[in-house]
């Protein structure tokens, strides 16, 4: 079974909430670090002939279009991650539309692609802002991959939805983030912090368990998880753990993961499973 490999193409220096932690005059260093991390991911994928889906932050596409262009030239799917990395739970409809417009324009200018897929920052689509899917449909999107089929804090997830891909009433295909079913409890384990915090052998066990239920595993990673350029000064201890824990092991784990499991892009998954 082919699983799905996705990258949330963003970096701390393009997210406004991190402005207090960004050191002035260090912008070049942050960009060089981003290049390094993206190229490591691209080379790893190329080594196994994997085509992935890159959810591109509009502000990143606007500031470093050459990175997005390189991802496209390497044959990966370009999708949308919004413009300013603001949670949709904090937006009204008009603001969300404006954010999408800015993001789509920046992405198109960087690589000539009009994305068909969307992922909300911090997976921030839930039952209270399901209107976002109708707006995505309005803008011509075909699929969304923003929802964990579990609920454990406000603004995150929907425990009532399917753990497999399905079509919303809006007509948008949902590619839900992966959860493993353990003793009737849905354990989120799709990637990102889960990939760093869950012991690797257990992570692989959960992936196999999801596949054993005939479900494709949806993996995601951020480039900064290979080497985080965010300054540690001023960040509280809990955030520091979340942002830096096990970063030194990620490249090795990625190598092992793609060695053992097959992966493809969401675009390829849709062709196989939804004839799109």
Protein backbone atom coordinates (compact mmCIF):
# COMPACT_ATOMS: atom_id res chain seq x y z
CA UNK A 1 0.00 0.00 0.00
CA UNK A 2 1.25 3.49 -0.87
CA UNK A 3 1.16 5.97 1.97
CA UNK A 4 1.13 9.75 1.51
CA UNK A 5 4.14 12.00 2.08
CA UNK A 6 3.46 15.70 2.67
CA UNK A 7 5.62 18.67 3.63
CA UNK A 8 4.29 21.84 5.25
CA UNK A 9 6.63 24.28 3.50
CA UNK A 10 6.93 27.10 6.03
CA UNK A 11 9.53 28.58 8.35
CA UNK A 12 9.48 30.57 11.58
CA UNK A 13 10.79 33.75 9.95
CA UNK A 14 7.63 34.02 7.80
CA UNK A 15 5.13 33.58 10.65
CA UNK A 16 4.15 36.91 12.29
CA UNK A 17 3.62 35.46 15.78
CA UNK A 18 7.35 34.64 15.91
CA UNK A 19 8.49 38.21 15.19
CA UNK A 20 9.45 38.83 18.85
CA UNK A 21 11.93 35.92 18.66
CA UNK A 22 13.49 36.70 15.29
CA UNK A 23 16.82 38.49 15.51
CA UNK A 24 17.21 41.45 13.18
CA UNK A 25 20.07 41.11 10.75
CA UNK A 26 19.87 37.29 10.84
CA UNK A 27 17.38 36.98 7.96
CA UNK A 28 20.01 35.61 5.55
CA UNK A 29 20.98 32.94 8.06
CA UNK A 30 17.34 31.84 8.46
CA UNK A 31 16.88 31.61 4.68
CA UNK A 32 20.10 29.61 4.25
CA UNK A 33 18.88 27.20 6.92
CA UNK A 34 15.55 26.84 5.13
CA UNK A 35 17.33 26.07 1.85
CA UNK A 36 19.44 23.46 3.59
CA UNK A 37 16.45 21.72 5.14
CA UNK A 38 14.34 21.73 1.97
CA UNK A 39 17.20 20.31 -0.07
CA UNK A 40 17.75 17.49 2.42
CA UNK A 41 14.08 16.56 2.10
CA UNK A 42 14.17 16.81 -1.71
CA UNK A 43 17.27 14.62 -1.93
CA UNK A 44 15.81 12.03 0.41
CA UNK A 45 12.64 11.85 -1.68
CA UNK A 46 14.61 11.68 -4.90
CA UNK A 47 16.72 8.80 -3.57
CA UNK A 48 13.56 6.66 -3.44
CA UNK A 49 11.82 8.26 -6.44
CA UNK A 50 9.03 9.55 -4.18
CA UNK A 51 6.78 12.37 -5.35
CA UNK A 52 5.34 14.27 -2.38
CA UNK A 53 2.84 17.07 -1.75
CA UNK A 54 4.28 20.39 -0.52
CA UNK A 55 1.76 22.66 1.23
CA UNK A 56 3.35 26.05 0.54
CA UNK A 57 2.91 29.06 2.81
CA UNK A 58 2.09 32.06 0.60
CA UNK A 59 4.39 34.42 2.46
CA UNK A 60 7.29 32.02 1.93
CA UNK A 61 6.48 31.78 -1.79
CA UNK A 62 6.45 35.57 -1.96
CA UNK A 63 9.84 35.97 -0.24
CA UNK A 64 11.80 32.97 -1.54
CA UNK A 65 10.05 31.95 -4.79
CA UNK A 66 13.13 30.07 -5.99
CA UNK A 67 12.59 27.40 -3.30
CA UNK A 68 9.02 26.76 -4.45
CA UNK A 69 10.15 26.72 -8.07
CA UNK A 70 12.79 24.11 -7.28
CA UNK A 71 10.20 21.89 -5.54
CA UNK A 72 8.01 22.14 -8.67
CA UNK A 73 10.93 21.43 -11.04
CA UNK A 74 11.69 18.28 -9.04
CA UNK A 75 8.18 17.05 -9.90
CA UNK A 76 6.40 17.39 -6.57
CA UNK A 77 2.83 18.55 -6.10
CA UNK A 78 2.41 22.18 -5.01
CA UNK A 79 -0.53 22.79 -2.66
CA UNK A 80 -1.65 25.73 -0.50
CA UNK A 81 -1.01 26.37 3.21
CA UNK A 82 -2.57 29.83 3.41
CA UNK A 83 -0.67 33.12 3.30
CA UNK A 84 0.25 34.25 6.82
CA UNK A 85 -0.14 31.03 8.84
CA UNK A 86 -3.09 32.34 10.81
CA UNK A 87 -5.54 29.83 12.28
CA UNK A 88 -8.87 29.77 10.45
CA UNK A 89 -10.53 29.64 13.88
CA UNK A 90 -9.36 33.26 14.25
CA UNK A 91 -10.67 34.43 10.86
CA UNK A 92 -13.97 35.62 9.48
CA UNK A 93 -15.03 34.53 5.99
CA UNK A 94 -13.83 37.67 4.20
CA UNK A 95 -10.44 37.51 5.90
CA UNK A 96 -10.05 33.86 4.92
CA UNK A 97 -10.89 34.70 1.30
CA UNK A 98 -8.30 37.47 1.28
CA UNK A 99 -5.69 35.16 2.82
CA UNK A 100 -6.38 32.57 0.10
CA UNK A 101 -6.13 35.16 -2.66
CA UNK A 102 -2.77 36.39 -1.42
CA UNK A 103 -1.47 32.85 -1.06
CA UNK A 104 -2.64 31.65 -4.48
CA UNK A 105 -1.18 34.72 -6.18
CA UNK A 106 2.17 34.26 -4.44
CA UNK A 107 2.33 30.56 -5.29
CA UNK A 108 1.37 31.14 -8.93
CA UNK A 109 3.97 33.91 -9.25
CA UNK A 110 6.66 31.62 -7.79
CA UNK A 111 6.11 28.51 -9.90
CA UNK A 112 3.15 28.94 -12.26
CA UNK A 113 0.92 26.46 -10.38
CA UNK A 114 -2.70 26.92 -9.31
CA UNK A 115 -3.00 24.50 -6.36
CA UNK A 116 -5.91 22.08 -6.03
CA UNK A 117 -5.15 21.14 -2.41
CA UNK A 118 -5.25 23.03 0.88
CA UNK A 119 -4.04 22.48 4.42
CA UNK A 120 -5.03 24.93 7.16
CA UNK A 121 -2.33 26.24 9.50
CA UNK A 122 -2.34 24.16 12.69
CA UNK A 123 -5.09 21.95 11.20
CA UNK A 124 -7.57 24.64 12.23
CA UNK A 125 -10.73 23.53 10.42
CA UNK A 126 -13.36 22.12 12.76
CA UNK A 127 -17.16 21.83 12.95
CA UNK A 128 -17.49 25.52 13.88
CA UNK A 129 -15.79 26.83 10.74
CA UNK A 130 -16.80 24.17 8.23
CA UNK A 131 -17.82 27.13 6.03
CA UNK A 132 -14.15 27.24 5.04
CA UNK A 133 -14.70 24.19 2.82
CA UNK A 134 -17.38 26.00 0.79
CA UNK A 135 -14.93 28.86 0.24
CA UNK A 136 -12.25 26.38 -0.86
CA UNK A 137 -14.75 24.99 -3.38
CA UNK A 138 -15.46 28.56 -4.56
CA UNK A 139 -11.76 29.05 -5.22
CA UNK A 140 -11.50 25.85 -7.26
CA UNK A 141 -9.84 23.57 -4.72
CA UNK A 142 -10.50 19.83 -5.05
CA UNK A 143 -9.26 18.57 -1.70
CA UNK A 144 -8.48 19.56 1.86
CA UNK A 145 -6.10 17.91 4.34
CA UNK A 146 -6.69 19.94 7.50
CA UNK A 147 -8.63 17.76 9.90
CA UNK A 148 -7.54 15.24 12.48
CA UNK A 149 -10.40 12.75 13.07
CA UNK A 150 -10.03 13.20 16.83
CA UNK A 151 -10.82 15.94 19.34
CA UNK A 152 -8.73 16.72 22.38
CA UNK A 153 -8.59 20.49 22.59
CA UNK A 154 -10.67 23.44 21.41
CA UNK A 155 -10.33 24.33 17.74
CA UNK A 156 -8.61 21.09 16.77
CA UNK A 157 -10.09 18.05 15.04
CA UNK A 158 -13.47 16.40 14.56
CA UNK A 159 -13.83 13.05 16.28
CA UNK A 160 -17.00 12.15 14.37
CA UNK A 161 -15.44 12.05 10.88
CA UNK A 162 -14.04 9.06 9.02
CA UNK A 163 -10.37 8.15 9.38
CA UNK A 164 -10.26 7.38 5.63
CA UNK A 165 -10.53 9.82 2.73
CA UNK A 166 -14.10 10.95 2.02
CA UNK A 167 -16.13 13.67 0.27
CA UNK A 168 -17.68 16.53 2.28
CA UNK A 169 -21.16 17.85 1.49
CA UNK A 170 -19.37 20.79 -0.15
CA UNK A 171 -17.87 18.39 -2.72
CA UNK A 172 -14.37 18.87 -1.31
CA UNK A 173 -12.45 15.62 -0.80
CA UNK A 174 -11.05 15.36 2.72
CA UNK A 175 -7.73 13.63 3.31
CA UNK A 176 -7.81 13.38 7.13
CA UNK A 177 -4.58 13.26 9.11
CA UNK A 178 -3.74 9.82 10.43
CA UNK A 179 -4.89 8.36 13.73
CA UNK A 180 -4.33 4.80 14.91
CA UNK A 181 -7.27 3.01 16.49
CA UNK A 182 -6.06 1.55 19.81
CA UNK A 183 -8.67 -0.05 22.06
CA UNK A 184 -11.35 2.18 20.47
CA UNK A 185 -9.23 5.27 21.16
CA UNK A 186 -8.02 7.37 18.22
CA UNK A 187 -4.36 8.21 18.69
CA UNK A 188 -3.06 11.01 16.40
CA UNK A 189 0.30 10.05 14.92
CA UNK A 190 0.52 11.56 11.45
CA UNK A 191 3.90 13.27 11.65
CA UNK A 192 5.42 16.54 12.82
CA UNK A 193 5.78 16.52 16.60
CA UNK A 194 4.30 13.01 16.75
CA UNK A 195 7.15 11.78 14.54
CA UNK A 196 9.68 13.33 16.91
CA UNK A 197 8.05 12.43 20.25
CA UNK A 198 6.79 8.89 19.61
CA UNK A 199 9.61 6.30 19.80
CA UNK A 200 10.43 5.33 16.24
CA UNK A 201 9.63 1.62 16.56
CA UNK A 202 6.23 2.49 18.01
CA UNK A 203 5.65 5.05 15.25
CA UNK A 204 6.27 2.34 12.64
CA UNK A 205 3.98 -0.04 14.52
CA UNK A 206 1.18 2.57 14.39
CA UNK A 207 1.77 3.12 10.67
CA UNK A 208 1.52 -0.62 10.00
CA UNK A 209 -1.63 -0.82 12.14
CA UNK A 210 -3.27 1.90 10.04
CA UNK A 211 -2.27 0.06 6.84
CA UNK A 212 -3.67 -3.20 8.26
CA UNK A 213 -7.08 -1.49 8.35
CA UNK A 214 -6.66 -0.71 4.63
CA UNK A 215 -6.04 2.97 5.30
CA UNK A 216 -3.24 5.01 3.75
CA UNK A 217 -1.00 6.69 6.30
CA UNK A 218 -0.75 10.50 5.87
CA UNK A 219 2.72 11.64 6.88
CA UNK A 220 3.79 15.28 7.23
CA UNK A 221 6.94 17.13 8.22
CA UNK A 222 8.14 20.75 8.37
CA UNK A 223 11.59 21.68 7.00
CA UNK A 224 12.52 23.37 10.31
CA UNK A 225 12.21 19.98 12.05
CA UNK A 226 15.56 18.99 10.52
CA UNK A 227 17.38 22.00 11.94
CA UNK A 228 15.40 24.69 13.75
CA UNK A 229 16.76 28.20 13.27
CA UNK A 230 14.31 29.76 15.74
CA UNK A 231 16.32 31.41 18.56
CA UNK A 232 15.74 29.66 21.89
CA UNK A 233 15.95 32.85 23.93
CA UNK A 234 12.57 34.06 25.11
CA UNK A 235 10.70 30.84 24.35
CA UNK A 236 9.10 29.16 27.34
CA UNK A 237 10.31 25.70 28.36
CA UNK A 238 7.25 23.83 27.07
CA UNK A 239 7.44 25.47 23.64
CA UNK A 240 11.18 24.86 23.52
CA UNK A 241 10.65 21.14 24.07
CA UNK A 242 7.91 21.01 21.43
CA UNK A 243 9.97 22.85 18.83
CA UNK A 244 13.40 21.28 19.39
CA UNK A 245 12.89 17.77 20.83
CA UNK A 246 14.64 15.01 18.82
CA UNK A 247 15.48 17.29 15.89
CA UNK A 248 18.95 15.70 15.71
CA UNK A 249 17.32 12.31 14.93
CA UNK A 250 14.90 13.36 12.20
CA UNK A 251 17.09 12.96 9.13
CA UNK A 252 18.03 9.41 10.16
CA UNK A 253 14.39 8.57 10.93
CA UNK A 254 13.24 9.93 7.57
CA UNK A 255 15.79 7.77 5.79
CA UNK A 256 14.60 4.70 7.65
CA UNK A 257 10.92 5.53 7.07
CA UNK A 258 11.15 5.89 3.30
CA UNK A 259 13.37 2.80 3.14
CA UNK A 260 10.68 0.66 4.78
CA UNK A 261 7.40 2.12 3.47
CA UNK A 262 6.09 3.25 0.08
CA UNK A 263 4.89 6.84 -0.34
CA UNK A 264 3.23 9.02 -2.96
CA UNK A 265 1.69 12.49 -3.28
CA UNK A 266 -1.95 13.31 -2.52
CA UNK A 267 -2.38 14.02 -6.24
CA UNK A 268 -1.42 10.41 -7.04
CA UNK A 269 -3.59 9.07 -4.19
CA UNK A 270 -6.62 10.94 -5.60
CA UNK A 271 -6.09 9.44 -9.05
CA UNK A 272 -6.02 5.93 -7.61
CA UNK A 273 -8.81 6.23 -5.05
CA UNK A 274 -11.15 8.96 -6.35
CA UNK A 275 -10.47 8.90 -10.10
CA UNK A 276 -9.52 12.58 -9.95
